[in-house]
């Protein structure tokens, strides 16, 4: 089974949050839904943190390229 995209994970989380608001759920169903929502949220956070690191590394790379070009232009 292929891994879900971030957007699919977020949609799953939103669905679980909506489901958790259903007052007709049993205690067990509520706890299971809450547990699934926590796991989905954790997956989203993990992916966002990875993308944050990726963006940070790209920014450093871009800054280094810019500094290198400025150095070359000043010579």
Protein backbone atom coordinates (compact mmCIF):
# COMPACT_ATOMS: atom_id res chain seq x y z
CA UNK A 1 0.00 0.00 0.00
CA UNK A 2 1.39 3.39 -0.97
CA UNK A 3 1.95 6.08 1.61
CA UNK A 4 -0.62 8.84 1.85
CA UNK A 5 0.23 12.33 0.67
CA UNK A 6 0.31 15.14 3.22
CA UNK A 7 -2.99 16.41 1.90
CA UNK A 8 -4.58 12.98 2.34
CA UNK A 9 -3.21 12.74 5.89
CA UNK A 10 -4.63 16.16 6.70
CA UNK A 11 -8.00 15.20 5.23
CA UNK A 12 -7.97 12.04 7.35
CA UNK A 13 -7.28 14.15 10.44
CA UNK A 14 -10.11 16.55 9.56
CA UNK A 15 -12.48 13.60 9.06
CA UNK A 16 -11.51 12.13 12.42
CA UNK A 17 -12.01 15.47 14.18
CA UNK A 18 -15.47 15.77 12.63
CA UNK A 19 -16.26 12.18 13.63
CA UNK A 20 -15.15 12.86 17.21
CA UNK A 21 -17.82 15.55 17.49
CA UNK A 22 -20.52 12.92 16.91
CA UNK A 23 -22.36 12.62 20.22
CA UNK A 24 -23.70 9.18 19.24
CA UNK A 25 -20.29 7.51 19.54
CA UNK A 26 -19.75 5.01 22.32
CA UNK A 27 -16.94 5.61 24.76
CA UNK A 28 -14.82 3.00 22.98
CA UNK A 29 -15.51 4.55 19.57
CA UNK A 30 -14.65 7.98 20.95
CA UNK A 31 -11.36 6.75 22.39
CA UNK A 32 -10.44 4.93 19.18
CA UNK A 33 -11.27 7.99 17.10
CA UNK A 34 -9.23 10.19 19.43
CA UNK A 35 -6.29 7.79 19.22
CA UNK A 36 -6.46 7.73 15.42
CA UNK A 37 -6.64 11.52 15.34
CA UNK A 38 -3.55 11.82 17.55
CA UNK A 39 -1.67 9.45 15.22
CA UNK A 40 -2.81 11.36 12.14
CA UNK A 41 -1.79 14.67 13.72
CA UNK A 42 1.60 13.21 14.60
CA UNK A 43 2.12 12.10 10.99
CA UNK A 44 1.23 15.58 9.74
CA UNK A 45 3.56 17.25 12.23
CA UNK A 46 6.41 14.90 11.33
CA UNK A 47 6.00 15.66 7.65
CA UNK A 48 5.77 19.42 8.27
CA UNK A 49 8.95 19.32 10.36
CA UNK A 50 10.75 17.45 7.57
CA UNK A 51 9.62 20.05 5.03
CA UNK A 52 10.67 22.84 7.38
CA UNK A 53 14.17 21.34 7.55
CA UNK A 54 14.22 20.95 3.77
CA UNK A 55 13.27 24.61 3.30
CA UNK A 56 15.89 25.71 5.82
CA UNK A 57 18.58 23.77 3.96
CA UNK A 58 17.48 25.24 0.64
CA UNK A 59 17.64 28.74 2.13
CA UNK A 60 21.20 28.13 3.35
CA UNK A 61 22.16 26.82 -0.08
CA UNK A 62 20.61 29.87 -1.74
CA UNK A 63 22.35 32.22 0.69
CA UNK A 64 25.68 30.55 -0.05
CA UNK A 65 25.13 30.88 -3.80
CA UNK A 66 24.22 34.54 -3.42
CA UNK A 67 27.31 35.23 -1.29
CA UNK A 68 29.48 33.41 -3.82
CA UNK A 69 28.06 35.45 -6.70
CA UNK A 70 28.52 38.71 -4.76
CA UNK A 71 32.13 37.74 -4.05
CA UNK A 72 32.75 36.97 -7.74
CA UNK A 73 31.17 40.27 -8.82
CA UNK A 74 33.37 42.29 -6.46
CA UNK A 75 36.60 40.86 -7.85
